[in-house]
PDB file of N, CA and C in Angstrom:
ATOM      1  N   MET A   1     -35.832   8.949 -24.610  1.00  0.00           N
ATOM      2  CA  MET A   1     -34.564   9.379 -24.062  1.00  0.00           C
ATOM      3  C   MET A   1     -34.776   9.847 -22.614  1.00  0.00           C
ATOM      4  N   ALA A   2     -33.792   9.609 -21.778  1.00  0.00           N
ATOM      5  CA  ALA A   2     -33.891   9.958 -20.361  1.00  0.00           C
ATOM      6  C   ALA A   2     -33.667  11.451 -20.160  1.00  0.00           C
ATOM      7  N   ASP A   3     -34.349  12.004 -19.182  1.00  0.00           N
ATOM      8  CA  ASP A   3     -34.192  13.419 -18.839  1.00  0.00           C
ATOM      9  C   ASP A   3     -33.103  13.536 -17.779  1.00  0.00           C
ATOM     10  N   ILE A   4     -31.964  14.124 -18.123  1.00  0.00           N
ATOM     11  CA  ILE A   4     -30.835  14.219 -17.185  1.00  0.00           C
ATOM     12  C   ILE A   4     -30.651  15.632 -16.637  1.00  0.00           C
ATOM     13  N   THR A   5     -31.598  16.500 -16.860  1.00  0.00           N
ATOM     14  CA  THR A   5     -31.453  17.878 -16.386  1.00  0.00           C
ATOM     15  C   THR A   5     -31.406  17.945 -14.854  1.00  0.00           C
ATOM     16  N   ALA A   6     -32.061  17.010 -14.182  1.00  0.00           N
ATOM     17  CA  ALA A   6     -32.062  17.021 -12.718  1.00  0.00           C
ATOM     18  C   ALA A   6     -30.725  16.569 -12.152  1.00  0.00           C
ATOM     19  N   LEU A   7     -29.899  15.940 -12.972  1.00  0.00           N
ATOM     20  CA  LEU A   7     -28.615  15.433 -12.500  1.00  0.00           C
ATOM     21  C   LEU A   7     -27.510  16.484 -12.550  1.00  0.00           C
ATOM     22  N   LYS A   8     -27.731  17.560 -13.246  1.00  0.00           N
ATOM     23  CA  LYS A   8     -26.685  18.563 -13.395  1.00  0.00           C
ATOM     24  C   LYS A   8     -26.389  19.229 -12.057  1.00  0.00           C
ATOM     25  N   SER A   9     -25.127  19.359 -11.774  1.00  0.00           N
ATOM     26  CA  SER A   9     -24.675  19.940 -10.509  1.00  0.00           C
ATOM     27  C   SER A   9     -24.540  21.448 -10.645  1.00  0.00           C
ATOM     28  N   LYS A  10     -24.731  22.131  -9.563  1.00  0.00           N
ATOM     29  CA  LYS A  10     -24.553  23.579  -9.545  1.00  0.00           C
ATOM     30  C   LYS A  10     -23.160  23.943  -9.053  1.00  0.00           C
ATOM     31  N   GLY A  11     -22.302  22.971  -8.883  1.00  0.00           N
ATOM     32  CA  GLY A  11     -20.950  23.224  -8.386  1.00  0.00           C
ATOM     33  C   GLY A  11     -20.798  22.713  -6.975  1.00  0.00           C
ATOM     34  N   LYS A  12     -19.587  22.679  -6.549  1.00  0.00           N
ATOM     35  CA  LYS A  12     -19.299  22.153  -5.218  1.00  0.00           C
ATOM     36  C   LYS A  12     -19.616  23.151  -4.121  1.00  0.00           C
ATOM     37  N   GLY A  13     -19.535  24.403  -4.409  1.00  0.00           N
ATOM     38  CA  GLY A  13     -19.779  25.397  -3.380  1.00  0.00           C
ATOM     39  C   GLY A  13     -18.517  25.700  -2.606  1.00  0.00           C
ATOM     40  N   GLN A  14     -18.640  26.435  -1.554  1.00  0.00           N
ATOM     41  CA  GLN A  14     -17.509  26.850  -0.732  1.00  0.00           C
ATOM     42  C   GLN A  14     -17.236  25.806   0.356  1.00  0.00           C
ATOM     43  N   PRO A  15     -15.987  25.682   0.765  1.00  0.00           N
ATOM     44  CA  PRO A  15     -15.696  24.767   1.877  1.00  0.00           C
ATOM     45  C   PRO A  15     -16.309  25.303   3.164  1.00  0.00           C
ATOM     46  N   PRO A  16     -16.513  24.443   4.150  1.00  0.00           N
ATOM     47  CA  PRO A  16     -17.099  24.911   5.408  1.00  0.00           C
ATOM     48  C   PRO A  16     -16.171  25.899   6.112  1.00  0.00           C
ATOM     49  N   ALA A  17     -16.762  26.773   6.876  1.00  0.00           N
ATOM     50  CA  ALA A  17     -15.970  27.734   7.649  1.00  0.00           C
ATOM     51  C   ALA A  17     -15.114  26.985   8.652  1.00  0.00           C
ATOM     52  N   ARG A  18     -14.001  27.577   9.058  1.00  0.00           N
ATOM     53  CA  ARG A  18     -13.092  26.921   9.981  1.00  0.00           C
ATOM     54  C   ARG A  18     -13.790  26.512  11.274  1.00  0.00           C
ATOM     55  N   SER A  19     -14.720  27.312  11.725  1.00  0.00           N
ATOM     56  CA  SER A  19     -15.436  26.984  12.964  1.00  0.00           C
ATOM     57  C   SER A  19     -16.383  25.801  12.769  1.00  0.00           C
ATOM     58  N   GLU A  20     -16.755  25.499  11.521  1.00  0.00           N
ATOM     59  CA  GLU A  20     -17.674  24.405  11.246  1.00  0.00           C
ATOM     60  C   GLU A  20     -16.954  23.126  10.812  1.00  0.00           C
ATOM     61  N   ALA A  21     -15.637  23.167  10.763  1.00  0.00           N
ATOM     62  CA  ALA A  21     -14.876  22.007  10.277  1.00  0.00           C
ATOM     63  C   ALA A  21     -15.088  20.808  11.197  1.00  0.00           C
ATOM     64  N   PRO A  22     -15.069  19.604  10.644  1.00  0.00           N
ATOM     65  CA  PRO A  22     -15.233  18.406  11.477  1.00  0.00           C
ATOM     66  C   PRO A  22     -14.135  18.303  12.541  1.00  0.00           C
ATOM     67  N   ALA A  23     -14.466  17.654  13.622  1.00  0.00           N
ATOM     68  CA  ALA A  23     -13.536  17.556  14.746  1.00  0.00           C
ATOM     69  C   ALA A  23     -12.270  16.785  14.392  1.00  0.00           C
ATOM     70  N   ASN A  24     -12.337  15.837  13.437  1.00  0.00           N
ATOM     71  CA  ASN A  24     -11.157  15.037  13.141  1.00  0.00           C
ATOM     72  C   ASN A  24     -10.058  15.854  12.464  1.00  0.00           C
ATOM     73  N   THR A  25     -10.358  17.025  11.951  1.00  0.00           N
ATOM     74  CA  THR A  25      -9.317  17.855  11.346  1.00  0.00           C
ATOM     75  C   THR A  25      -8.494  18.572  12.404  1.00  0.00           C
ATOM     76  N   LYS A  26      -8.970  18.558  13.632  1.00  0.00           N
ATOM     77  CA  LYS A  26      -8.249  19.231  14.711  1.00  0.00           C
ATOM     78  C   LYS A  26      -7.246  18.297  15.395  1.00  0.00           C
ATOM     79  N   ASN A  27      -7.354  16.988  15.135  1.00  0.00           N
ATOM     80  CA  ASN A  27      -6.449  16.024  15.751  1.00  0.00           C
ATOM     81  C   ASN A  27      -5.057  16.138  15.151  1.00  0.00           C
ATOM     82  N   LEU A  28      -4.052  15.996  15.983  1.00  0.00           N
ATOM     83  CA  LEU A  28      -2.686  16.005  15.499  1.00  0.00           C
ATOM     84  C   LEU A  28      -2.386  14.691  14.788  1.00  0.00           C
ATOM     85  N   PRO A  29      -1.534  14.705  13.777  1.00  0.00           N
ATOM     86  CA  PRO A  29      -1.188  13.446  13.116  1.00  0.00           C
ATOM     87  C   PRO A  29      -0.472  12.506  14.078  1.00  0.00           C
ATOM     88  N   ARG A  30      -0.709  11.200  13.900  1.00  0.00           N
ATOM     89  CA  ARG A  30      -0.088  10.211  14.771  1.00  0.00           C
ATOM     90  C   ARG A  30       1.362   9.998  14.357  1.00  0.00           C
ATOM     91  N   ASP A  31       2.230  10.000  15.334  1.00  0.00           N
ATOM     92  CA  ASP A  31       3.642   9.722  15.085  1.00  0.00           C
ATOM     93  C   ASP A  31       3.978   8.360  15.669  1.00  0.00           C
ATOM     94  N   LYS A  32       4.809   7.612  14.958  1.00  0.00           N
ATOM     95  CA  LYS A  32       5.284   6.339  15.491  1.00  0.00           C
ATOM     96  C   LYS A  32       6.482   6.625  16.376  1.00  0.00           C
ATOM     97  N   ALA A  33       6.567   5.885  17.467  1.00  0.00           N
ATOM     98  CA  ALA A  33       7.695   6.056  18.380  1.00  0.00           C
ATOM     99  C   ALA A  33       8.999   5.671  17.685  1.00  0.00           C
ATOM    100  N   VAL A  34       8.963   4.590  16.931  1.00  0.00           N
ATOM    101  CA  VAL A  34      10.145   4.102  16.228  1.00  0.00           C
ATOM    102  C   VAL A  34       9.736   3.793  14.791  1.00  0.00           C
ATOM    103  N   LYS A  35      10.504   4.279  13.860  1.00  0.00           N
ATOM    104  CA  LYS A  35      10.208   4.010  12.462  1.00  0.00           C
ATOM    105  C   LYS A  35      10.715   2.612  12.103  1.00  0.00           C
ATOM    106  N   ASN A  36       9.867   1.807  11.474  1.00  0.00           N
ATOM    107  CA  ASN A  36      10.252   0.465  11.044  1.00  0.00           C
ATOM    108  C   ASN A  36      10.896   0.519   9.672  1.00  0.00           C
ATOM    109  N   ARG A  37      11.901  -0.304   9.480  1.00  0.00           N
ATOM    110  CA  ARG A  37      12.599  -0.408   8.201  1.00  0.00           C
ATOM    111  C   ARG A  37      12.582  -1.861   7.768  1.00  0.00           C
ATOM    112  N   PRO A  38      12.498  -2.130   6.479  1.00  0.00           N
ATOM    113  CA  PRO A  38      12.488  -3.522   6.025  1.00  0.00           C
ATOM    114  C   PRO A  38      13.867  -4.159   6.151  1.00  0.00           C
ATOM    115  N   LEU A  39      13.869  -5.425   6.481  1.00  0.00           N
ATOM    116  CA  LEU A  39      15.101  -6.214   6.537  1.00  0.00           C
ATOM    117  C   LEU A  39      14.875  -7.388   5.592  1.00  0.00           C
ATOM    118  N   GLN A  40      15.524  -7.360   4.459  1.00  0.00           N
ATOM    119  CA  GLN A  40      15.290  -8.381   3.446  1.00  0.00           C
ATOM    120  C   GLN A  40      16.466  -9.344   3.398  1.00  0.00           C
ATOM    121  N   VAL A  41      16.161 -10.603   3.604  1.00  0.00           N
ATOM    122  CA  VAL A  41      17.186 -11.653   3.538  1.00  0.00           C
ATOM    123  C   VAL A  41      16.651 -12.791   2.677  1.00  0.00           C
ATOM    124  N   GLN A  42      17.558 -13.540   2.093  1.00  0.00           N
ATOM    125  CA  GLN A  42      17.204 -14.704   1.290  1.00  0.00           C
ATOM    126  C   GLN A  42      17.570 -15.957   2.077  1.00  0.00           C
ATOM    127  N   VAL A  43      16.607 -16.835   2.260  1.00  0.00           N
ATOM    128  CA  VAL A  43      16.841 -18.103   2.956  1.00  0.00           C
ATOM    129  C   VAL A  43      16.230 -19.217   2.115  1.00  0.00           C
ATOM    130  N   PRO A  44      16.679 -20.465   2.323  1.00  0.00           N
ATOM    131  CA  PRO A  44      16.052 -21.578   1.609  1.00  0.00           C
ATOM    132  C   PRO A  44      14.568 -21.682   1.959  1.00  0.00           C
ATOM    133  N   GLU A  45      13.789 -22.227   1.032  1.00  0.00           N
ATOM    134  CA  GLU A  45      12.343 -22.282   1.218  1.00  0.00           C
ATOM    135  C   GLU A  45      11.947 -23.083   2.454  1.00  0.00           C
ATOM    136  N   ASP A  46      12.662 -24.178   2.743  1.00  0.00           N
ATOM    137  CA  ASP A  46      12.299 -24.979   3.918  1.00  0.00           C
ATOM    138  C   ASP A  46      12.538 -24.208   5.210  1.00  0.00           C
ATOM    139  N   VAL A  47      13.571 -23.374   5.247  1.00  0.00           N
ATOM    140  CA  VAL A  47      13.821 -22.532   6.423  1.00  0.00           C
ATOM    141  C   VAL A  47      12.708 -21.492   6.559  1.00  0.00           C
ATOM    142  N   PHE A  48      12.324 -20.902   5.436  1.00  0.00           N
ATOM    143  CA  PHE A  48      11.245 -19.907   5.451  1.00  0.00           C
ATOM    144  C   PHE A  48       9.942 -20.511   5.975  1.00  0.00           C
ATOM    145  N   LEU A  49       9.596 -21.686   5.474  1.00  0.00           N
ATOM    146  CA  LEU A  49       8.354 -22.333   5.902  1.00  0.00           C
ATOM    147  C   LEU A  49       8.393 -22.713   7.381  1.00  0.00           C
ATOM    148  N   ALA A  50       9.530 -23.225   7.834  1.00  0.00           N
ATOM    149  CA  ALA A  50       9.655 -23.594   9.247  1.00  0.00           C
ATOM    150  C   ALA A  50       9.588 -22.353  10.137  1.00  0.00           C
ATOM    151  N   PHE A  51      10.257 -21.272   9.721  1.00  0.00           N
ATOM    152  CA  PHE A  51      10.233 -20.026  10.490  1.00  0.00           C
ATOM    153  C   PHE A  51       8.806 -19.475  10.551  1.00  0.00           C
ATOM    154  N   SER A  52       8.105 -19.493   9.413  1.00  0.00           N
ATOM    155  CA  SER A  52       6.727 -18.991   9.372  1.00  0.00           C
ATOM    156  C   SER A  52       5.825 -19.803  10.286  1.00  0.00           C
ATOM    157  N   ALA A  53       5.983 -21.134  10.262  1.00  0.00           N
ATOM    158  CA  ALA A  53       5.157 -21.988  11.109  1.00  0.00           C
ATOM    159  C   ALA A  53       5.441 -21.729  12.585  1.00  0.00           C
ATOM    160  N   GLU A  54       6.715 -21.607  12.935  1.00  0.00           N
ATOM    161  CA  GLU A  54       7.082 -21.339  14.335  1.00  0.00           C
ATOM    162  C   GLU A  54       6.540 -19.998  14.801  1.00  0.00           C
ATOM    163  N   ALA A  55       6.664 -18.996  13.951  1.00  0.00           N
ATOM    164  CA  ALA A  55       6.147 -17.661  14.297  1.00  0.00           C
ATOM    165  C   ALA A  55       4.639 -17.712  14.504  1.00  0.00           C
ATOM    166  N   GLY A  56       3.948 -18.431  13.631  1.00  0.00           N
ATOM    167  CA  GLY A  56       2.499 -18.550  13.773  1.00  0.00           C
ATOM    168  C   GLY A  56       2.097 -19.242  15.053  1.00  0.00           C
ATOM    169  N   GLN A  57       2.812 -20.290  15.403  1.00  0.00           N
ATOM    170  CA  GLN A  57       2.486 -21.019  16.630  1.00  0.00           C
ATOM    171  C   GLN A  57       2.759 -20.188  17.869  1.00  0.00           C
ATOM    172  N   GLN A  58       3.868 -19.461  17.885  1.00  0.00           N
ATOM    173  CA  GLN A  58       4.218 -18.687  19.075  1.00  0.00           C
ATOM    174  C   GLN A  58       3.351 -17.443  19.251  1.00  0.00           C
ATOM    175  N   PHE A  59       2.881 -16.872  18.144  1.00  0.00           N
ATOM    176  CA  PHE A  59       2.144 -15.611  18.217  1.00  0.00           C
ATOM    177  C   PHE A  59       0.722 -15.739  17.677  1.00  0.00           C
ATOM    178  N   ASP A  60       0.149 -16.939  17.779  1.00  0.00           N
ATOM    179  CA  ASP A  60      -1.260 -17.195  17.437  1.00  0.00           C
ATOM    180  C   ASP A  60      -1.641 -16.731  16.037  1.00  0.00           C
ATOM    181  N   PHE A  61      -0.730 -16.853  15.099  1.00  0.00           N
ATOM    182  CA  PHE A  61      -0.978 -16.531  13.691  1.00  0.00           C
ATOM    183  C   PHE A  61      -1.515 -15.105  13.513  1.00  0.00           C
ATOM    184  N   GLN A  62      -1.025 -14.200  14.329  1.00  0.00           N
ATOM    185  CA  GLN A  62      -1.412 -12.790  14.219  1.00  0.00           C
ATOM    186  C   GLN A  62      -0.593 -12.115  13.126  1.00  0.00           C
ATOM    187  N   HIS A  63      -1.116 -10.986  12.649  1.00  0.00           N
ATOM    188  CA  HIS A  63      -0.379 -10.177  11.682  1.00  0.00           C
ATOM    189  C   HIS A  63       0.920  -9.701  12.334  1.00  0.00           C
ATOM    190  N   GLY A  64       2.025  -9.862  11.658  1.00  0.00           N
ATOM    191  CA  GLY A  64       3.312  -9.437  12.187  1.00  0.00           C
ATOM    192  C   GLY A  64       4.008 -10.477  13.044  1.00  0.00           C
ATOM    193  N   ALA A  65       3.540 -11.717  12.991  1.00  0.00           N
ATOM    194  CA  ALA A  65       4.116 -12.773  13.829  1.00  0.00           C
ATOM    195  C   ALA A  65       5.587 -13.007  13.500  1.00  0.00           C
ATOM    196  N   LYS A  66       5.942 -12.989  12.213  1.00  0.00           N
ATOM    197  CA  LYS A  66       7.345 -13.223  11.837  1.00  0.00           C
ATOM    198  C   LYS A  66       8.239 -12.093  12.339  1.00  0.00           C
ATOM    199  N   SER A  67       7.743 -10.872  12.289  1.00  0.00           N
ATOM    200  CA  SER A  67       8.521  -9.740  12.811  1.00  0.00           C
ATOM    201  C   SER A  67       8.716  -9.875  14.315  1.00  0.00           C
ATOM    202  N   GLN A  68       7.650 -10.282  15.007  1.00  0.00           N
ATOM    203  CA  GLN A  68       7.744 -10.451  16.456  1.00  0.00           C
ATOM    204  C   GLN A  68       8.728 -11.555  16.815  1.00  0.00           C
ATOM    205  N   LEU A  69       8.702 -12.659  16.064  1.00  0.00           N
ATOM    206  CA  LEU A  69       9.640 -13.747  16.336  1.00  0.00           C
ATOM    207  C   LEU A  69      11.073 -13.294  16.074  1.00  0.00           C
ATOM    208  N   PHE A  70      11.294 -12.563  14.999  1.00  0.00           N
ATOM    209  CA  PHE A  70      12.641 -12.066  14.720  1.00  0.00           C
ATOM    210  C   PHE A  70      13.120 -11.157  15.849  1.00  0.00           C
ATOM    211  N   LEU A  71      12.257 -10.254  16.323  1.00  0.00           N
ATOM    212  CA  LEU A  71      12.655  -9.354  17.410  1.00  0.00           C
ATOM    213  C   LEU A  71      12.950 -10.131  18.691  1.00  0.00           C
ATOM    214  N   ARG A  72      12.183 -11.178  18.958  1.00  0.00           N
ATOM    215  CA  ARG A  72      12.453 -12.013  20.134  1.00  0.00           C
ATOM    216  C   ARG A  72      13.814 -12.708  19.990  1.00  0.00           C
ATOM    217  N   MET A  73      14.102 -13.205  18.774  1.00  0.00           N
ATOM    218  CA  MET A  73      15.398 -13.849  18.531  1.00  0.00           C
ATOM    219  C   MET A  73      16.538 -12.836  18.674  1.00  0.00           C
ATOM    220  N   TRP A  74      16.344 -11.644  18.176  1.00  0.00           N
ATOM    221  CA  TRP A  74      17.376 -10.616  18.252  1.00  0.00           C
ATOM    222  C   TRP A  74      17.651 -10.240  19.712  1.00  0.00           C
ATOM    223  N   GLU A  75      16.593 -10.133  20.505  1.00  0.00           N
ATOM    224  CA  GLU A  75      16.759  -9.826  21.930  1.00  0.00           C
ATOM    225  C   GLU A  75      17.524 -10.935  22.638  1.00  0.00           C
ATOM    226  N   ALA A  76      17.222 -12.186  22.321  1.00  0.00           N
ATOM    227  CA  ALA A  76      17.935 -13.320  22.935  1.00  0.00           C
ATOM    228  C   ALA A  76      19.402 -13.299  22.515  1.00  0.00           C
ATOM    229  N   TYR A  77      19.663 -12.966  21.289  1.00  0.00           N
ATOM    230  CA  TYR A  77      21.038 -12.868  20.796  1.00  0.00           C
ATOM    231  C   TYR A  77      21.796 -11.764  21.534  1.00  0.00           C
ATOM    232  N   GLN A  78      21.155 -10.612  21.704  1.00  0.00           N
ATOM    233  CA  GLN A  78      21.810  -9.498  22.404  1.00  0.00           C
ATOM    234  C   GLN A  78      22.072  -9.841  23.863  1.00  0.00           C
ATOM    235  N   ASN A  79      21.170 -10.552  24.498  1.00  0.00           N
ATOM    236  CA  ASN A  79      21.342 -10.937  25.903  1.00  0.00           C
ATOM    237  C   ASN A  79      22.414 -12.017  26.068  1.00  0.00           C
ATOM    238  N   ALA A  80      22.661 -12.795  25.021  1.00  0.00           N
ATOM    239  CA  ALA A  80      23.644 -13.870  25.101  1.00  0.00           C
ATOM    240  C   ALA A  80      25.078 -13.357  24.926  1.00  0.00           C
ATOM    241  N   LYS A  81      25.230 -12.161  24.464  1.00  0.00           N
ATOM    242  CA  LYS A  81      26.584 -11.616  24.244  1.00  0.00           C
ATOM    243  C   LYS A  81      27.335 -11.456  25.535  1.00  0.00           C
TER     244      LYS A  81
END
């Protein structure tokens, strides 16, 4: 049988003193300038695929390409009014 007496913990102990706390606890939380909200719409699959492909081509297939394309379209729509 294995000897597990060396594995027993003596407890977690006390947290570090405030002066010894890591530097990352002193940083302020990051705030977003603008809160994003989901916009859910239903479109035919061929429209979805074409939109996804166009977004990928225009924004080098980066994360958020479809959102960026939508925002570009929305800006063009607002300017056309």
